[in-house]
Structure formats: structure tokens, C-alpha cells
């Protein structure tokens, strides 16, 4: 892929050779993918300050993306920056990108906000069309032999889904933006759980890296089988039926249930 692969309007962007495909390569990838497939193409933009990201958002839209994910990957390690400042940084980024493009914009969130429901509400008010639960910050490890800090990539697993289910159930009851769950979705029945909690979309990645892209057929078959066995025509009828607003015990999504968890362990 190179500049010549792009339409004339997209060939003026300088290359970023140190970053994966480079900016032009990524735009070319979006452009070619849009031409090759019949399903929507959602592009991802990584950053945390608005500035140049608004320009890239416009170029991504021009390349043909149907929607844009803002993958705001910022680890708050600086002691002189407050939580409020970080929240404002997120909000300004969403505001500026939304003002620059016409396609839907979703925000990939971290679960580490001190008041996540409040933050989600503010992002929704800024125009975010969707929220993606959640981003994963990769953690470094320490090699005892070399006494060096080393990078460590751990793929997500099914245990991570519970955090996402809780927040999908809570947030779907209080905001209008669509919710997507990513992290821990491995089976067709996981998709059912996400829909029941209030999500509109689920994303899979780690399970496909482990088992190959063909594994998506197994997941879809499991989903279809569950729907058939439970006399459900489609997943749309399940969306939000177990959100916080609709369950008999809404507080169950809020409290830790510490004693109940310990008791269930004894019963096993």
C-alpha cells in the first residue's frame, strides 16, 4: 500500500514510518477495505489530545470509514494532573472530533474513572454516539534473571466479561449512546449475556487470535443455536432485558456482594 493507492484528496499526508503502516498506509487500508466488503468499516484513532487528531478524523472519514472509534489510551501517571483535567481532555477530544466529522463516533473507555457513570453521561452529552467497554492497558512485567522491565501481552479471557456486563447493565439504563462490549467475549452465549445487559454490539479479538479467524463461524453457530433452543427470533428482543433498570434487584449491579460470594464458595 502506498500513496498511489489513495484518491487524490488523500495523498497529501506525510508518512509516519515509525507507526505500523504509517498514516497513508492506514488510510489506504480503510479505502481498500471499504471497496472490498459489504459490511460497515469502523476505523480506530488512537490518541488523547484533540489537535492533530481532528485532521486524522477528517481523513479517515474521507477514506470511506462508516464510523470512528476514539481509542483514548492515556495512563494517568503524572501527579500534577488531576482527574478532572483528564476528564476534560477526553471531553474536549470528543467534542472537537464530533464537530469535524459526520460519521458516528464511539469512545473506547477505560474502567478506571472514579465516577464512570458520570463520565459516560458527559461523553454522551458531548455527542458520543457509542461507548466501548473497555480498553485494556497492557501491564509490564519484571524479568528476575535480567532484572529488566519487559513488555507482556496477555490476551483477554472469559473472566474479564463480568466487569463489562455490570457496566453495560448500569450505563444502558442512564444514557442514550449505544454500548459495545469488548474483552472476554469468547462464545455465542457471551454475546447473549452482553445483549441482555444492554449492549448493542460485541467485539471479539483475542479468541480469534488464539483460534484463527474461522472461529467466528463457531461463535455465530453457538449464538444461533441458543436463540433457537430458547425460542428467540433475534438478539434484538433480548437487548436490555437484564439492564439495571429492568431487573428485580437493581442494587445487585452496584454492590460488591462480598458476603454472598464467600457463601457461594462454601456451598460449592
Protein backbone atom coordinates (compact mmCIF):
# COMPACT_ATOMS: atom_id res chain seq x y z
CA UNK A 1 0.00 0.00 0.00
CA UNK A 2 1.29 3.47 -0.85
CA UNK A 3 0.13 6.95 -1.64
CA UNK A 4 -0.87 5.98 -5.18
CA UNK A 5 -3.47 3.60 -3.72
CA UNK A 6 -5.40 6.57 -2.35
CA UNK A 7 -7.70 9.04 -4.09
CA UNK A 8 -6.02 12.38 -4.93
CA UNK A 9 -7.69 14.12 -1.99
CA UNK A 10 -5.93 11.79 0.46
CA UNK A 11 -2.40 11.75 -0.97
CA UNK A 12 -1.01 14.82 0.77
CA UNK A 13 -0.49 13.33 4.23
CA UNK A 14 3.18 12.76 5.21
CA UNK A 15 4.24 9.21 6.05
CA UNK A 16 4.67 8.10 9.68
CA UNK A 17 7.14 5.25 9.10
CA UNK A 18 7.66 4.57 12.77
CA UNK A 19 4.00 3.77 13.37
CA UNK A 20 2.77 0.48 11.93
CA UNK A 21 1.54 1.07 8.37
CA UNK A 22 2.04 4.81 8.54
CA UNK A 23 -0.82 7.28 8.18
CA UNK A 24 -1.14 6.88 4.42
CA UNK A 25 -0.95 3.10 4.69
CA UNK A 26 -3.78 3.08 7.21
CA UNK A 27 -5.93 5.37 5.07
CA UNK A 28 -5.27 3.14 2.07
CA UNK A 29 -6.25 0.11 4.14
CA UNK A 30 -9.58 1.73 5.06
CA UNK A 31 -10.18 2.77 1.46
CA UNK A 32 -9.47 -0.71 0.10
CA UNK A 33 -11.45 -2.46 2.84
CA UNK A 34 -14.48 -0.30 2.12
CA UNK A 35 -14.31 -1.26 -1.55
CA UNK A 36 -13.81 -4.96 -0.80
CA UNK A 37 -16.57 -5.69 1.73
CA UNK A 38 -20.30 -5.09 2.10
CA UNK A 39 -20.28 -4.67 5.89
CA UNK A 40 -19.60 -1.34 7.66
CA UNK A 41 -15.94 -0.42 8.15
CA UNK A 42 -15.14 1.12 11.54
CA UNK A 43 -11.77 2.85 11.79
CA UNK A 44 -9.84 3.41 15.03
CA UNK A 45 -7.97 6.53 16.02
CA UNK A 46 -5.54 6.39 18.93
CA UNK A 47 -4.69 9.49 20.94
CA UNK A 48 -5.71 11.74 23.81
CA UNK A 49 -5.26 15.38 22.75
CA UNK A 50 -7.52 16.90 20.09
CA UNK A 51 -5.09 18.97 17.96
CA UNK A 52 -3.92 16.86 15.02
CA UNK A 53 -6.41 14.09 15.76
CA UNK A 54 -9.18 16.20 14.27
CA UNK A 55 -7.25 16.25 10.99
CA UNK A 56 -6.83 12.48 11.02
CA UNK A 57 -10.51 12.01 11.85
CA UNK A 58 -11.44 14.00 8.74
CA UNK A 59 -9.03 11.98 6.59
CA UNK A 60 -10.38 8.71 7.94
CA UNK A 61 -13.90 9.82 7.08
CA UNK A 62 -12.74 10.83 3.60
CA UNK A 63 -11.15 7.41 3.14
CA UNK A 64 -14.61 5.87 3.48
CA UNK A 65 -14.94 4.74 7.09
CA UNK A 66 -18.55 4.30 8.19
CA UNK A 67 -17.75 5.13 11.81
CA UNK A 68 -14.82 6.08 14.00
CA UNK A 69 -13.60 4.64 17.29
CA UNK A 70 -11.62 7.00 19.50
CA UNK A 71 -9.21 4.71 21.31
CA UNK A 72 -8.14 7.11 24.04
CA UNK A 73 -5.13 5.33 25.51
CA UNK A 74 -3.89 7.54 28.34
CA UNK A 75 -2.40 6.29 31.59
CA UNK A 76 -2.67 8.91 34.32
CA UNK A 77 0.79 8.73 35.94
CA UNK A 78 1.63 12.42 36.28
CA UNK A 79 0.97 13.65 39.85
CA UNK A 80 0.39 17.25 38.73
CA UNK A 81 -2.59 16.34 36.52
CA UNK A 82 -5.91 15.92 38.30
CA UNK A 83 -8.71 13.54 37.47
CA UNK A 84 -10.86 16.48 36.44
CA UNK A 85 -8.22 17.64 33.94
CA UNK A 86 -8.06 14.17 32.41
CA UNK A 87 -11.83 14.02 32.09
CA UNK A 88 -11.86 17.42 30.39
CA UNK A 89 -9.19 16.21 27.98
CA UNK A 90 -11.43 13.29 26.97
CA UNK A 91 -14.47 15.53 26.63
CA UNK A 92 -12.69 18.14 24.52
CA UNK A 93 -11.36 15.44 22.20
CA UNK A 94 -14.83 14.03 21.63
CA UNK A 95 -16.33 17.50 21.17
CA UNK A 96 -13.71 18.53 18.61
CA UNK A 97 -13.82 15.30 16.60
CA UNK A 98 -17.63 15.25 16.55
CA UNK A 99 -17.62 18.81 15.22
CA UNK A 100 -15.21 17.82 12.44
CA UNK A 101 -16.90 14.68 11.03
CA UNK A 102 -20.37 13.49 10.11
CA UNK A 103 -19.88 9.77 10.72
CA UNK A 104 -20.78 8.22 14.11
CA UNK A 105 -18.07 8.49 16.77
CA UNK A 106 -17.61 5.95 19.58
CA UNK A 107 -15.27 6.28 22.55
CA UNK A 108 -13.29 3.33 23.89
CA UNK A 109 -13.31 3.85 27.63
CA UNK A 110 -11.05 2.81 30.46
CA UNK A 111 -12.79 1.31 33.52
CA UNK A 112 -10.61 3.37 35.87
CA UNK A 113 -12.62 6.59 36.13
CA UNK A 114 -13.58 7.33 39.71
CA UNK A 115 -17.17 8.15 38.66
CA UNK A 116 -17.66 6.17 35.47
CA UNK A 117 -21.42 6.72 35.22
CA UNK A 118 -20.94 10.49 35.45
CA UNK A 119 -18.17 10.42 32.85
CA UNK A 120 -20.26 8.32 30.48
CA UNK A 121 -23.14 10.76 30.83
CA UNK A 122 -20.87 13.71 29.99
CA UNK A 123 -19.41 11.94 26.96
CA UNK A 124 -22.93 11.20 25.77
CA UNK A 125 -23.80 14.89 26.21
CA UNK A 126 -20.73 15.84 24.15
CA UNK A 127 -22.15 13.87 21.25
CA UNK A 128 -20.53 10.44 21.56
CA UNK A 129 -22.70 8.05 19.57
CA UNK A 130 -21.36 5.00 21.37
CA UNK A 131 -19.19 3.86 24.25
CA UNK A 132 -16.95 0.80 24.11
CA UNK A 133 -16.40 -1.11 27.36
CA UNK A 134 -13.43 -1.38 28.00
CA UNK A 135 -9.93 -0.53 26.91
CA UNK A 136 -7.16 -2.77 28.27
CA UNK A 137 -3.92 -1.17 29.46
CA UNK A 138 -1.13 -3.69 29.00
CA UNK A 139 0.95 -4.17 32.12
CA UNK A 140 4.75 -4.54 32.16
CA UNK A 141 6.46 -7.40 33.96
CA UNK A 142 9.86 -7.77 35.64
CA UNK A 143 12.38 -10.34 34.42
CA UNK A 144 14.21 -11.56 37.54
CA UNK A 145 17.07 -13.02 35.53
CA UNK A 146 17.94 -9.87 33.59
CA UNK A 147 16.49 -7.50 36.21
CA UNK A 148 14.78 -5.54 33.48
CA UNK A 149 11.25 -4.36 32.86
CA UNK A 150 9.77 -6.31 29.96
CA UNK A 151 6.65 -5.91 27.88
CA UNK A 152 3.98 -8.53 28.41
CA UNK A 153 0.99 -9.22 26.15
CA UNK A 154 -1.76 -11.22 27.81
CA UNK A 155 -4.82 -11.87 25.67
CA UNK A 156 -8.20 -11.32 27.28
CA UNK A 157 -10.16 -14.24 28.70
CA UNK A 158 -13.72 -15.01 29.74
CA UNK A 159 -13.27 -13.78 33.34
CA UNK A 160 -12.95 -10.21 32.09
CA UNK A 161 -16.51 -10.22 30.78
CA UNK A 162 -18.15 -9.73 34.17
CA UNK A 163 -16.86 -6.19 34.64
CA UNK A 164 -18.21 -5.28 31.21
CA UNK A 165 -21.60 -6.88 31.88
CA UNK A 166 -22.00 -4.90 35.06
CA UNK A 167 -21.28 -1.56 33.44
CA UNK A 168 -23.27 -2.32 30.31
CA UNK A 169 -26.26 -3.03 32.55
CA UNK A 170 -25.73 0.17 34.56
CA UNK A 171 -24.96 2.55 31.70
CA UNK A 172 -27.63 1.27 29.32
CA UNK A 173 -30.19 2.42 31.87
CA UNK A 174 -28.94 6.01 32.03
CA UNK A 175 -27.50 7.06 28.65
CA UNK A 176 -28.76 7.07 25.06
CA UNK A 177 -25.44 6.26 23.38
CA UNK A 178 -25.09 2.70 22.10
CA UNK A 179 -22.85 0.41 24.13
CA UNK A 180 -20.32 -2.09 22.83
CA UNK A 181 -18.59 -4.76 24.90
CA UNK A 182 -15.03 -5.83 24.15
CA UNK A 183 -12.89 -8.07 26.33
CA UNK A 184 -13.83 -11.57 27.37
CA UNK A 185 -16.32 -12.35 24.60
CA UNK A 186 -15.42 -15.88 23.50
CA UNK A 187 -18.67 -17.77 22.89
CA UNK A 188 -22.05 -17.21 21.32
CA UNK A 189 -23.61 -17.30 24.79
CA UNK A 190 -21.32 -14.43 25.82
CA UNK A 191 -22.97 -12.34 23.12
CA UNK A 192 -26.38 -13.22 24.59
CA UNK A 193 -25.25 -12.04 28.02
CA UNK A 194 -23.97 -8.75 26.61
CA UNK A 195 -27.24 -8.12 24.80
CA UNK A 196 -29.28 -8.89 27.91
CA UNK A 197 -27.18 -6.43 29.92
CA UNK A 198 -27.92 -3.69 27.40
CA UNK A 199 -25.11 -3.74 24.85
CA UNK A 200 -25.89 -3.24 21.17
CA UNK A 201 -22.56 -4.58 19.90
CA UNK A 202 -19.93 -7.10 20.95
CA UNK A 203 -16.36 -7.26 19.67
CA UNK A 204 -14.06 -10.28 19.53
CA UNK A 205 -10.31 -10.29 19.05
CA UNK A 206 -8.33 -12.45 21.47
CA UNK A 207 -10.32 -15.61 20.81
CA UNK A 208 -9.72 -15.17 17.08
CA UNK A 209 -6.01 -14.66 17.65
CA UNK A 210 -5.96 -17.91 19.61
CA UNK A 211 -8.13 -19.99 17.29
CA UNK A 212 -7.99 -18.28 13.91
CA UNK A 213 -10.45 -16.09 12.03
CA UNK A 214 -12.59 -19.13 11.11
CA UNK A 215 -13.58 -19.40 14.77
CA UNK A 216 -16.10 -16.62 14.19
CA UNK A 217 -18.29 -19.24 12.46
CA UNK A 218 -18.35 -21.30 15.66
CA UNK A 219 -19.34 -18.29 17.74
CA UNK A 220 -22.18 -17.42 15.36
CA UNK A 221 -23.36 -21.03 15.28
CA UNK A 222 -23.45 -21.11 19.10
CA UNK A 223 -25.46 -17.89 19.10
CA UNK A 224 -27.96 -19.21 16.55
CA UNK A 225 -28.29 -22.48 18.46
CA UNK A 226 -29.04 -20.69 21.73
CA UNK A 227 -31.65 -18.47 20.09
CA UNK A 228 -33.33 -21.49 18.51
CA UNK A 229 -33.33 -23.53 21.72
CA UNK A 230 -34.83 -20.63 23.65
CA UNK A 231 -37.45 -19.69 21.02
CA UNK A 232 -35.92 -16.27 20.40
CA UNK A 233 -36.29 -14.87 16.89
CA UNK A 234 -33.32 -12.49 17.18
CA UNK A 235 -30.96 -10.91 19.66
CA UNK A 236 -32.81 -7.58 19.35
CA UNK A 237 -35.57 -8.91 21.55
CA UNK A 238 -33.03 -9.62 24.29
CA UNK A 239 -31.34 -6.24 24.38
CA UNK A 240 -31.55 -4.68 27.81
CA UNK A 241 -33.92 -7.20 29.41
CA UNK A 242 -31.47 -7.57 32.32
CA UNK A 243 -30.24 -3.99 32.48
CA UNK A 244 -30.14 -2.37 35.89
CA UNK A 245 -33.42 -0.62 35.22
CA UNK A 246 -35.31 -3.83 34.46
CA UNK A 247 -34.07 -6.42 36.95
CA UNK A 248 -35.95 -7.08 40.18
CA UNK A 249 -32.85 -6.26 42.24
CA UNK A 250 -31.16 -3.23 40.60
CA UNK A 251 -28.75 -2.86 43.52
CA UNK A 252 -27.17 -6.19 42.59
CA UNK A 253 -25.23 -4.40 39.86
CA UNK A 254 -23.93 -1.83 42.36
CA UNK A 255 -22.95 -3.72 45.48
CA UNK A 256 -19.96 -5.97 45.67
CA UNK A 257 -21.96 -8.87 47.19
CA UNK A 258 -18.84 -9.80 49.10
CA UNK A 259 -20.55 -11.97 51.71
CA UNK A 260 -22.76 -13.67 49.13
CA UNK A 261 -19.72 -14.56 47.03
CA UNK A 262 -17.95 -16.10 50.03
CA UNK A 263 -21.09 -18.01 50.97
CA UNK A 264 -21.44 -19.42 47.44
CA UNK A 265 -17.84 -20.66 47.66
CA UNK A 266 -18.67 -22.54 50.87
CA UNK A 267 -21.72 -24.13 49.25
CA UNK A 268 -19.59 -25.49 46.42
